Amino acid sequence: MAREAERSAMSELRSSGWVARDLEFKRSQKGSLYVRFTLVEHLGYGEASRKQYYEVWAWNEVAQSLLDQRIGKGSRIRVQGFLELVDYMHKDGKTRDKKLKLRLREWRPWEPGKYTGPPMLGETEDPQVCQSPGPVPVVDGEREPLPE
């Protein structure tokens, strides 16, 4: 019950991107399979484009499915899970920082513009869901004047 309360306080994220490096499969002290990897999401277009990095963690059956499908560096996937902002210490042992961590709940292979199987949790049955929405308008920080 405490885990459910904790999860309800987290943000749910659906995203798609590229696996930045090979997955690290490990076993916990209790013997559970888990994996950690970095997902890179490309946002925007042209000069306004940027990258968002997520540290993704998957456990048990979800981790096993990534292993079974041979997901690795360069794989394009869609993900859904719980997003957390976590504190961490840099390798220098002095600098504290924050990073986005995603507890993976579900994933699918991703090919833009192609139907990649049944919808993930909360998605529509519409296969168009995988298509890119098109260019994002650039906002330069200036406000337009209000109509009189």
C-alpha atoms as a PDB file:
ATOM      1  CA  MET A   1       0.000   0.000   0.000  1.00  0.00           C
ATOM      2  CA  ALA A   2       2.848   2.399   0.800  1.00  0.00           C
ATOM      3  CA  ARG A   3       4.365   1.746  -2.652  1.00  0.00           C
ATOM      4  CA  GLU A   4       1.062   2.662  -4.335  1.00  0.00           C
ATOM      5  CA  ALA A   5       0.846   5.896  -2.329  1.00  0.00           C
ATOM      6  CA  GLU A   6       4.439   6.691  -3.293  1.00  0.00           C
ATOM      7  CA  ARG A   7       3.721   6.045  -6.978  1.00  0.00           C
ATOM      8  CA  SER A   8       0.590   8.181  -6.958  1.00  0.00           C
ATOM      9  CA  ALA A   9       2.763  11.130  -5.913  1.00  0.00           C
ATOM     10  CA  MET A  10       5.061  10.647  -8.928  1.00  0.00           C
ATOM     11  CA  SER A  11       4.530  11.948 -12.431  1.00  0.00           C
ATOM     12  CA  GLU A  12       3.775   9.439 -15.152  1.00  0.00           C
ATOM     13  CA  LEU A  13       5.777   9.838 -18.349  1.00  0.00           C
ATOM     14  CA  ARG A  14       5.287   8.529 -21.876  1.00  0.00           C
ATOM     15  CA  SER A  15       8.120   9.242 -24.248  1.00  0.00           C
ATOM     16  CA  SER A  16      10.109   7.866 -27.148  1.00  0.00           C
ATOM     17  CA  GLY A  17      13.772   8.040 -27.917  1.00  0.00           C
ATOM     18  CA  TRP A  18      17.039   6.232 -28.425  1.00  0.00           C
ATOM     19  CA  VAL A  19      18.956   4.031 -26.029  1.00  0.00           C
ATOM     20  CA  ALA A  20      22.231   5.926 -25.465  1.00  0.00           C
ATOM     21  CA  ARG A  21      24.429   3.000 -24.413  1.00  0.00           C
ATOM     22  CA  ASP A  22      24.222  -0.732 -23.891  1.00  0.00           C
ATOM     23  CA  LEU A  23      21.990  -1.900 -21.079  1.00  0.00           C
ATOM     24  CA  GLU A  24      23.479  -2.983 -17.747  1.00  0.00           C
ATOM     25  CA  PHE A  25      21.670  -6.110 -16.557  1.00  0.00           C
ATOM     26  CA  LYS A  26      22.224  -7.004 -12.896  1.00  0.00           C
ATOM     27  CA  ARG A  27      20.686  -8.964 -10.029  1.00  0.00           C
ATOM     28  CA  SER A  28      19.622  -7.343  -6.772  1.00  0.00           C
ATOM     29  CA  GLN A  29      20.685  -8.752  -3.395  1.00  0.00           C
ATOM     30  CA  LYS A  30      17.347 -10.590  -3.322  1.00  0.00           C
ATOM     31  CA  GLY A  31      17.927 -12.058  -6.796  1.00  0.00           C
ATOM     32  CA  SER A  32      15.585  -9.823  -8.822  1.00  0.00           C
ATOM     33  CA  LEU A  33      16.704  -8.984 -12.355  1.00  0.00           C
ATOM     34  CA  TYR A  34      17.014  -5.287 -13.090  1.00  0.00           C
ATOM     35  CA  VAL A  35      18.472  -3.100 -15.802  1.00  0.00           C
ATOM     36  CA  ARG A  36      19.589   0.494 -16.060  1.00  0.00           C
ATOM     37  CA  PHE A  37      20.098   2.542 -19.226  1.00  0.00           C
ATOM     38  CA  THR A  38      19.982   6.087 -20.577  1.00  0.00           C
ATOM     39  CA  LEU A  39      17.197   7.148 -22.951  1.00  0.00           C
ATOM     40  CA  VAL A  40      17.708  10.232 -25.135  1.00  0.00           C
ATOM     41  CA  GLU A  41      14.635  12.150 -26.293  1.00  0.00           C
ATOM     42  CA  HIS A  42      15.119  14.732 -29.058  1.00  0.00           C
ATOM     43  CA  LEU A  43      12.956  17.836 -28.558  1.00  0.00           C
ATOM     44  CA  GLY A  44      12.271  20.599 -31.068  1.00  0.00           C
ATOM     45  CA  TYR A  45      13.677  21.170 -34.542  1.00  0.00           C
ATOM     46  CA  GLY A  46      16.611  22.954 -36.132  1.00  0.00           C
ATOM     47  CA  GLU A  47      18.551  25.424 -34.008  1.00  0.00           C
ATOM     48  CA  ALA A  48      15.926  25.182 -31.262  1.00  0.00           C
ATOM     49  CA  SER A  49      16.416  21.423 -30.907  1.00  0.00           C
ATOM     50  CA  ARG A  50      17.774  19.951 -27.699  1.00  0.00           C
ATOM     51  CA  LYS A  51      18.104  16.595 -25.985  1.00  0.00           C
ATOM     52  CA  GLN A  52      16.503  15.365 -22.764  1.00  0.00           C
ATOM     53  CA  TYR A  53      18.195  12.474 -20.957  1.00  0.00           C
ATOM     54  CA  TYR A  54      16.409  10.007 -18.672  1.00  0.00           C
ATOM     55  CA  GLU A  55      18.006   7.345 -16.513  1.00  0.00           C
ATOM     56  CA  VAL A  56      15.669   4.380 -16.965  1.00  0.00           C
ATOM     57  CA  TRP A  57      15.339   1.495 -14.495  1.00  0.00           C
ATOM     58  CA  ALA A  58      13.352  -1.683 -15.181  1.00  0.00           C
ATOM     59  CA  TRP A  59      12.754  -4.668 -12.922  1.00  0.00           C
ATOM     60  CA  ASN A  60      11.847  -8.358 -13.279  1.00  0.00           C
ATOM     61  CA  GLU A  61       9.529  -9.101 -16.251  1.00  0.00           C
ATOM     62  CA  VAL A  62      10.009  -5.683 -17.859  1.00  0.00           C
ATOM     63  CA  ALA A  63      13.804  -6.030 -17.606  1.00  0.00           C
ATOM     64  CA  GLN A  64      13.591  -9.573 -18.980  1.00  0.00           C
ATOM     65  CA  SER A  65      11.545  -8.384 -21.978  1.00  0.00           C
ATOM     66  CA  LEU A  66      14.255  -5.818 -22.834  1.00  0.00           C
ATOM     67  CA  LEU A  67      16.850  -8.590 -22.630  1.00  0.00           C
ATOM     68  CA  ASP A  68      14.734 -10.980 -24.746  1.00  0.00           C
ATOM     69  CA  GLN A  69      14.247  -8.353 -27.474  1.00  0.00           C
ATOM     70  CA  ARG A  70      17.994  -7.574 -27.507  1.00  0.00           C
ATOM     71  CA  ILE A  71      17.473  -3.877 -26.861  1.00  0.00           C
ATOM     72  CA  GLY A  72      20.820  -2.078 -26.880  1.00  0.00           C
ATOM     73  CA  LYS A  73      22.652   1.076 -27.846  1.00  0.00           C
ATOM     74  CA  GLY A  74      20.849   2.829 -30.707  1.00  0.00           C
ATOM     75  CA  SER A  75      17.527   0.995 -30.260  1.00  0.00           C
ATOM     76  CA  ARG A  76      14.480   3.223 -30.703  1.00  0.00           C
ATOM     77  CA  ILE A  77      11.811   2.592 -28.084  1.00  0.00           C
ATOM     78  CA  ARG A  78       8.656   4.085 -26.591  1.00  0.00           C
ATOM     79  CA  VAL A  79       8.496   4.041 -22.806  1.00  0.00           C
ATOM     80  CA  GLN A  80       5.939   4.571 -20.074  1.00  0.00           C
ATOM     81  CA  GLY A  81       6.660   4.775 -16.378  1.00  0.00           C
ATOM     82  CA  PHE A  82       6.960   6.882 -13.261  1.00  0.00           C
ATOM     83  CA  LEU A  83       9.262   9.902 -13.366  1.00  0.00           C
ATOM     84  CA  GLU A  84      11.255  10.962 -10.326  1.00  0.00           C
ATOM     85  CA  LEU A  85      13.701  13.801  -9.750  1.00  0.00           C
ATOM     86  CA  VAL A  86      16.459  12.285  -7.607  1.00  0.00           C
ATOM     87  CA  ASP A  87      19.505  13.721  -5.853  1.00  0.00           C
ATOM     88  CA  TYR A  88      22.912  12.258  -6.588  1.00  0.00           C
ATOM     89  CA  MET A  89      26.569  12.931  -5.862  1.00  0.00           C
ATOM     90  CA  HIS A  90      29.041  13.416  -8.718  1.00  0.00           C
ATOM     91  CA  LYS A  91      32.061  11.131  -8.896  1.00  0.00           C
ATOM     92  CA  ASP A  92      34.195  13.889  -7.355  1.00  0.00           C
ATOM     93  CA  GLY A  93      32.335  13.267  -4.078  1.00  0.00           C
ATOM     94  CA  LYS A  94      31.654  16.971  -3.541  1.00  0.00           C
ATOM     95  CA  THR A  95      29.133  18.125  -6.126  1.00  0.00           C
ATOM     96  CA  ARG A  96      25.465  17.339  -5.535  1.00  0.00           C
ATOM     97  CA  ASP A  97      23.045  17.444  -8.448  1.00  0.00           C
ATOM     98  CA  LYS A  98      19.652  16.190  -9.605  1.00  0.00           C
ATOM     99  CA  LYS A  99      18.678  13.892 -12.466  1.00  0.00           C
ATOM    100  CA  LEU A 100      15.495  12.490 -13.959  1.00  0.00           C
ATOM    101  CA  LYS A 101      14.943   8.809 -13.240  1.00  0.00           C
ATOM    102  CA  LEU A 102      12.211   6.776 -14.932  1.00  0.00           C
ATOM    103  CA  ARG A 103      10.848   3.591 -13.344  1.00  0.00           C
ATOM    104  CA  LEU A 104       9.868   1.729 -16.486  1.00  0.00           C
ATOM    105  CA  ARG A 105       6.420   0.179 -16.407  1.00  0.00           C
ATOM    106  CA  GLU A 106       5.975  -0.663 -20.085  1.00  0.00           C
ATOM    107  CA  TRP A 107       7.864  -0.255 -23.363  1.00  0.00           C
ATOM    108  CA  ARG A 108       7.498  -0.904 -27.111  1.00  0.00           C
ATOM    109  CA  PRO A 109       9.804  -0.793 -30.133  1.00  0.00           C
ATOM    110  CA  TRP A 110       9.376   2.563 -31.885  1.00  0.00           C
ATOM    111  CA  GLU A 111       9.287   3.309 -35.589  1.00  0.00           C
ATOM    112  CA  PRO A 112       7.866   6.781 -36.320  1.00  0.00           C
ATOM    113  CA  GLY A 113       4.804   6.625 -38.535  1.00  0.00           C
ATOM    114  CA  LYS A 114       4.349   2.863 -38.123  1.00  0.00           C
ATOM    115  CA  TYR A 115       1.926   0.954 -35.955  1.00  0.00           C
ATOM    116  CA  THR A 116       3.962  -0.855 -33.282  1.00  0.00           C
ATOM    117  CA  GLY A 117       1.336  -3.021 -31.611  1.00  0.00           C
ATOM    118  CA  PRO A 118      -1.458  -2.586 -29.114  1.00  0.00           C
ATOM    119  CA  PRO A 119      -1.651   0.673 -27.178  1.00  0.00           C
ATOM    120  CA  MET A 120       0.305   1.171 -24.001  1.00  0.00           C
ATOM    121  CA  LEU A 121      -1.607   1.862 -20.787  1.00  0.00           C
ATOM    122  CA  GLY A 122      -3.948   4.837 -21.205  1.00  0.00           C
ATOM    123  CA  GLU A 123      -3.389   5.242 -24.955  1.00  0.00           C
ATOM    124  CA  THR A 124      -5.950   5.225 -27.726  1.00  0.00           C
ATOM    125  CA  GLU A 125      -6.311   2.346 -30.215  1.00  0.00           C
ATOM    126  CA  ASP A 126      -5.537   4.805 -33.042  1.00  0.00           C
ATOM    127  CA  PRO A 127      -2.346   3.682 -34.856  1.00  0.00           C
ATOM    128  CA  GLN A 128      -1.660   7.323 -35.785  1.00  0.00           C
ATOM    129  CA  VAL A 129      -0.510   7.780 -32.190  1.00  0.00           C
ATOM    130  CA  CYS A 130       3.076   6.937 -33.274  1.00  0.00           C
ATOM    131  CA  GLN A 131       3.360   9.718 -35.821  1.00  0.00           C
ATOM    132  CA  SER A 132       5.348  12.856 -35.157  1.00  0.00           C
ATOM    133  CA  PRO A 133       3.105  15.846 -34.369  1.00  0.00           C
ATOM    134  CA  GLY A 134       5.160  18.149 -36.597  1.00  0.00           C
ATOM    135  CA  PRO A 135       7.238  21.233 -35.826  1.00  0.00           C
ATOM    136  CA  VAL A 136       6.961  22.808 -32.410  1.00  0.00           C
ATOM    137  CA  PRO A 137       6.497  26.593 -32.481  1.00  0.00           C
ATOM    138  CA  VAL A 138       9.501  28.523 -31.187  1.00  0.00           C
ATOM    139  CA  VAL A 139       8.862  30.683 -28.137  1.00  0.00           C
ATOM    140  CA  ASP A 140      11.515  33.349 -27.639  1.00  0.00           C
ATOM    141  CA  GLY A 141      10.365  34.534 -24.223  1.00  0.00           C
ATOM    142  CA  GLU A 142       8.788  37.777 -25.428  1.00  0.00           C
ATOM    143  CA  ARG A 143       5.079  38.247 -24.867  1.00  0.00           C
ATOM    144  CA  GLU A 144       2.793  39.447 -27.583  1.00  0.00           C
ATOM    145  CA  PRO A 145       0.714  42.537 -26.788  1.00  0.00           C
ATOM    146  CA  LEU A 146      -2.748  41.809 -25.441  1.00  0.00           C
ATOM    147  CA  PRO A 147      -5.707  42.784 -27.633  1.00  0.00           C
ATOM    148  CA  GLU A 148      -7.453  45.981 -26.602  1.00  0.00           C
END
